[in-house]
N, C-alpha and C. Protein backbone atom coordinates (compact mmCIF):
# COMPACT_ATOMS: atom_id res chain seq x y z
N MET A 1 0.95 -1.29 0.38
CA MET A 1 -0.28 0.06 0.15
C MET A 1 0.97 1.18 -0.19
N ILE A 2 0.34 2.36 -0.69
CA ILE A 2 1.54 3.24 -0.99
C ILE A 2 0.53 4.70 -0.13
N ILE A 3 1.13 5.19 0.39
CA ILE A 3 0.24 6.53 1.21
C ILE A 3 0.94 7.60 0.98
N THR A 4 -0.09 8.84 0.84
CA THR A 4 0.77 10.15 0.81
C THR A 4 0.59 11.06 1.94
N LEU A 5 1.66 11.29 2.25
CA LEU A 5 0.99 12.37 3.21
C LEU A 5 2.20 13.61 3.15
N ASP A 6 3.14 14.33 3.69
CA ASP A 6 3.59 15.25 2.84
C ASP A 6 4.53 14.63 1.81
N ASN A 7 5.08 13.04 2.27
CA ASN A 7 5.46 12.42 0.99
C ASN A 7 4.94 11.13 0.99
N ALA A 8 5.40 10.38 0.09
CA ALA A 8 4.56 9.14 -0.17
C ALA A 8 5.47 7.62 0.39
N TYR A 9 4.42 7.04 0.99
CA TYR A 9 5.24 6.04 1.91
C TYR A 9 4.66 4.97 1.63
N GLN A 10 5.43 3.67 1.91
CA GLN A 10 4.56 2.58 1.24
C GLN A 10 5.15 1.52 2.67
N SER A 11 4.01 0.84 2.59
CA SER A 11 3.99 -0.37 4.06
C SER A 11 4.99 -1.73 3.80
N GLU A 12 5.87 -1.81 4.51
CA GLU A 12 6.52 -3.15 4.29
C GLU A 12 5.84 -3.82 5.92
N LEU A 13 5.79 -5.27 5.53
CA LEU A 13 5.34 -6.30 6.76
C LEU A 13 6.41 -6.71 7.06
N LEU A 14 6.33 -7.20 8.20
CA LEU A 14 7.19 -8.62 8.95
C LEU A 14 6.33 -9.26 9.41
N LEU A 15 6.46 -10.49 9.48
CA LEU A 15 5.59 -11.62 10.09
C LEU A 15 6.50 -12.61 11.01
N LEU A 16 6.54 -12.55 12.43
CA LEU A 16 7.50 -12.98 13.36
C LEU A 16 6.61 -14.36 13.89
N PRO A 17 6.96 -15.38 13.65
CA PRO A 17 6.02 -16.36 14.07
C PRO A 17 6.63 -17.10 15.88
N ALA A 18 5.46 -16.93 16.27
CA ALA A 18 5.37 -17.13 17.92
C ALA A 18 5.20 -19.03 17.71
N ARG A 19 6.37 -19.36 18.62
CA ARG A 19 6.27 -20.46 19.11
C ARG A 19 7.01 -20.70 20.45
N ASN A 20 5.92 -22.13 20.77
CA ASN A 20 6.09 -22.65 22.33
C ASN A 20 7.36 -23.58 22.38
N SER A 21 8.11 -23.71 23.45
CA SER A 21 9.11 -25.02 23.77
C SER A 21 9.40 -25.77 22.95
N ALA A 22 8.03 -26.39 22.62
CA ALA A 22 8.46 -28.20 21.53
C ALA A 22 7.96 -27.17 20.15
N GLY A 23 8.59 -26.28 19.55
CA GLY A 23 8.64 -25.60 18.34
C GLY A 23 7.21 -25.45 17.89
N GLU A 24 6.23 -25.96 18.47
CA GLU A 24 4.72 -25.63 17.50
C GLU A 24 4.31 -24.22 17.54
N LEU A 25 3.92 -23.89 16.26
CA LEU A 25 3.40 -22.36 15.98
C LEU A 25 2.13 -22.21 17.05
N LYS A 26 2.37 -21.38 17.40
CA LYS A 26 0.99 -20.76 18.57
C LYS A 26 0.59 -19.41 18.25
N GLY A 27 1.42 -18.67 16.88
CA GLY A 27 0.56 -17.43 16.24
C GLY A 27 1.41 -16.54 15.24
N LEU A 28 1.26 -15.63 15.06
CA LEU A 28 2.03 -14.90 14.00
C LEU A 28 1.93 -13.62 14.45
N GLU A 29 3.35 -12.88 14.58
CA GLU A 29 3.26 -11.24 15.02
C GLU A 29 3.23 -10.45 14.26
N VAL A 30 2.39 -9.55 13.93
CA VAL A 30 2.32 -8.49 12.47
C VAL A 30 3.21 -7.15 12.54
N LEU A 31 4.24 -7.18 12.02
CA LEU A 31 5.13 -5.79 12.42
C LEU A 31 4.87 -4.77 10.96
N VAL A 32 4.60 -3.24 11.25
CA VAL A 32 4.10 -2.97 10.02
C VAL A 32 5.26 -1.83 9.88
N ASN A 33 5.60 -1.75 9.24
CA ASN A 33 6.52 -0.35 8.92
C ASN A 33 6.59 0.45 7.45
N PHE A 34 6.27 1.45 7.69
CA PHE A 34 6.26 2.53 6.49
C PHE A 34 7.83 3.24 6.29
N THR A 35 7.52 3.12 4.99
CA THR A 35 9.09 3.92 4.71
C THR A 35 8.73 5.00 3.27
N GLY A 36 9.50 5.49 3.35
CA GLY A 36 9.62 6.63 2.08
C GLY A 36 9.68 6.04 0.93
N VAL A 37 8.89 5.58 -0.34
CA VAL A 37 8.70 5.42 -1.81
C VAL A 37 10.09 5.73 -2.21
N GLY A 38 10.98 5.65 -2.59
CA GLY A 38 12.22 5.09 -3.24
C GLY A 38 13.55 6.07 -2.32
N SER A 39 12.89 5.80 -0.69
CA SER A 39 14.03 6.17 0.20
C SER A 39 14.09 5.27 0.99
N ASP A 40 15.14 5.51 1.86
CA ASP A 40 15.07 4.66 3.60
C ASP A 40 14.55 5.67 4.76
N VAL A 41 13.95 6.52 4.29
CA VAL A 41 13.04 7.44 5.40
C VAL A 41 11.67 6.66 5.83
N ARG A 42 12.29 6.67 7.25
CA ARG A 42 11.07 5.78 7.86
C ARG A 42 10.04 6.83 8.55
N ILE A 43 8.73 6.37 8.69
CA ILE A 43 7.48 7.17 9.58
C ILE A 43 7.52 6.49 10.77
N PRO A 44 7.01 6.70 11.96
CA PRO A 44 6.70 6.36 13.18
C PRO A 44 4.83 5.17 12.84
N THR A 45 4.80 4.26 12.55
CA THR A 45 3.60 3.96 12.24
C THR A 45 2.55 4.70 13.68
N GLU A 46 2.71 4.94 14.37
CA GLU A 46 1.65 5.67 14.93
C GLU A 46 1.84 7.16 14.66
N LEU A 47 2.19 7.60 13.87
CA LEU A 47 2.12 8.52 12.88
C LEU A 47 0.93 8.86 11.99
N VAL A 48 0.90 7.35 11.14
CA VAL A 48 0.43 6.88 9.87
C VAL A 48 -0.88 6.24 10.40
N ILE A 49 -1.25 5.54 11.15
CA ILE A 49 -2.32 4.92 11.43
C ILE A 49 -3.97 5.99 11.29
N PRO A 50 -3.53 6.88 12.39
CA PRO A 50 -4.65 7.85 12.70
C PRO A 50 -5.38 8.65 11.68
N ARG A 51 -4.03 8.84 10.67
CA ARG A 51 -4.28 9.53 8.83
C ARG A 51 -4.88 9.05 8.03
N LEU A 52 -5.19 7.26 8.21
CA LEU A 52 -5.78 6.44 7.40
C LEU A 52 -7.43 6.55 7.45
N SER A 53 -7.72 6.45 6.37
CA SER A 53 -9.31 6.10 6.01
C SER A 53 -9.72 4.89 6.77
N ALA A 54 -10.77 4.51 6.80
CA ALA A 54 -11.21 2.94 6.97
C ALA A 54 -10.81 2.36 6.06
N ALA A 55 -11.07 2.67 4.73
CA ALA A 55 -10.80 2.00 3.21
C ALA A 55 -9.11 1.34 3.43
N GLU A 56 -8.35 2.63 3.45
CA GLU A 56 -6.92 2.19 3.56
C GLU A 56 -6.56 1.55 4.72
N GLU A 57 -7.03 1.40 5.75
CA GLU A 57 -6.80 0.49 7.09
C GLU A 57 -7.11 -0.72 6.57
N LEU A 58 -8.45 -0.73 6.03
CA LEU A 58 -8.93 -2.93 5.42
C LEU A 58 -8.02 -2.66 4.61
N GLY A 59 -7.35 -2.18 3.28
CA GLY A 59 -6.64 -2.25 2.61
C GLY A 59 -5.00 -2.90 3.15
N LYS A 60 -4.86 -1.92 3.92
CA LYS A 60 -3.38 -2.61 4.27
C LYS A 60 -3.80 -4.33 4.71
N VAL A 61 -4.61 -4.19 5.33
CA VAL A 61 -4.83 -5.97 5.55
C VAL A 61 -4.92 -6.82 4.56
N ARG A 62 -5.45 -6.27 3.57
CA ARG A 62 -5.74 -7.00 2.31
C ARG A 62 -4.83 -7.39 1.28
N THR A 63 -4.30 -6.09 1.28
CA THR A 63 -3.34 -6.23 0.29
C THR A 63 -1.85 -7.07 0.21
N SER A 64 -1.21 -7.93 -0.53
CA SER A 64 -0.37 -8.24 -0.36
C SER A 64 1.06 -8.49 -1.34
N PRO A 65 2.32 -8.31 -0.97
CA PRO A 65 3.27 -7.69 -1.55
C PRO A 65 3.62 -8.26 -2.65
């Protein structure tokens, strides 16, 4: 997803598996980073989320890279 505030940012999703001591998968932690399109500039997720519309917020979950 690409979001435009003062600059254009794209979302990067990182999925981290959560496993128990036996190595069984118990869940996934989803981390979202927003980076500048064409640059390494990052914006804190806490600043982006409040500016998303309901459709954009739903789109960030439904779209896949």
